[in-house]
Protein backbone atom coordinates (compact mmCIF):
# COMPACT_ATOMS: atom_id res chain seq x y z
CA MET A 1 -31.12 22.27 -10.78
CA PRO A 2 -30.13 20.27 -7.97
CA LYS A 3 -28.44 16.52 -8.45
CA PRO A 4 -30.15 13.35 -7.38
CA SER A 5 -29.61 12.08 -3.80
CA VAL A 6 -28.42 8.63 -4.96
CA PRO A 7 -26.20 7.75 -2.48
CA GLU A 8 -22.42 6.86 -3.47
CA LEU A 9 -23.11 8.43 -7.24
CA GLU A 10 -22.69 11.80 -8.67
CA HIS A 11 -24.66 12.48 -11.75
CA ASP A 12 -24.85 14.92 -14.23
CA LEU A 13 -28.79 15.67 -15.12
CA VAL A 14 -29.65 16.21 -18.57
CA PRO A 15 -33.70 17.69 -18.85
CA VAL A 16 -35.75 15.32 -21.26
CA ILE A 17 -38.98 14.50 -22.77
CA ILE A 18 -39.92 10.72 -22.85
CA ASN A 19 -42.09 8.75 -25.25
CA LEU A 20 -42.63 5.44 -23.86
CA GLU A 21 -43.71 2.67 -26.46
CA ASP A 22 -47.25 2.52 -24.40
CA GLY A 23 -47.92 6.15 -25.18
CA ASP A 24 -47.53 8.06 -21.73
CA MET A 25 -44.66 10.94 -21.89
CA LEU A 26 -42.15 11.87 -19.12
CA THR A 27 -40.80 14.75 -18.56
CA GLY A 28 -37.57 15.24 -15.87
CA SER A 29 -33.74 14.16 -15.91
CA ILE A 30 -31.83 11.56 -16.98
CA CYS A 31 -29.37 10.61 -14.56
CA VAL A 32 -25.79 10.51 -16.82
CA PRO A 33 -22.63 9.88 -15.00
CA PRO A 34 -19.97 12.12 -15.63
CA ALA A 35 -17.19 12.09 -18.77
CA THR A 36 -20.35 10.02 -20.20
CA ASN A 37 -22.43 11.44 -23.11
CA LEU A 38 -26.47 10.39 -22.94
CA GLY A 39 -25.67 9.00 -26.56
CA ASP A 40 -23.04 6.61 -25.07
CA MET A 41 -25.26 5.62 -22.39
CA LEU A 42 -28.09 4.68 -24.07
CA ASN A 43 -26.43 2.47 -26.38
CA GLY A 44 -24.19 0.80 -23.46
CA PRO A 45 -25.13 -2.54 -22.22
CA ASP A 46 -27.43 -1.19 -19.20
CA LEU A 47 -30.78 -2.22 -19.73
CA PHE A 48 -31.83 0.03 -17.20
CA ILE A 49 -31.53 3.95 -17.00
CA LEU A 50 -31.94 6.35 -13.83
CA PHE A 51 -34.49 9.10 -14.69
CA GLN A 52 -35.52 11.81 -12.06
CA ASP A 53 -39.25 13.54 -13.03
CA ASP A 54 -40.02 16.78 -12.51
CA SER A 55 -40.79 16.08 -8.89
CA GLY A 56 -37.73 15.35 -7.75
CA GLY A 57 -38.55 11.28 -7.52
CA LEU A 58 -36.37 8.52 -9.05
CA ILE A 59 -36.92 5.94 -10.89
CA TYR A 60 -34.91 3.07 -12.81
CA LEU A 61 -36.32 3.18 -16.27
CA ALA A 62 -35.92 -0.40 -18.66
CA GLN A 63 -34.30 1.26 -22.23
CA LYS A 64 -36.65 -1.56 -23.45
CA THR A 65 -40.38 0.76 -22.85
CA ILE A 66 -38.60 3.85 -24.49
CA ALA A 67 -39.79 4.88 -27.77
CA ALA A 68 -37.98 8.59 -27.90
CA ILE A 69 -36.23 10.81 -26.17
CA ARG A 70 -35.65 14.22 -26.73
CA SER A 71 -33.94 17.49 -25.36
CA ASN A 72 -35.84 19.48 -23.14
CA LYS A 73 -33.61 22.49 -22.31
CA ASN A 74 -35.96 25.02 -21.28
CA THR A 75 -36.54 22.99 -18.03
């Protein structure tokens, strides 16, 4: 899977399915900085995560809108 084209940043893509508080579901990948695991990143101080949807679009997703995240290693 290609890395997102985020200027000046390199990330590992972790495929996930995200359930939002409003009931919507997102599939794609969370962009995780190298040498950081997903759990540490989600428990860190950042209010937003960088998310790449299945069409390749990048969005900053507010962590407070997330109800659940699960691995989607089938992608």
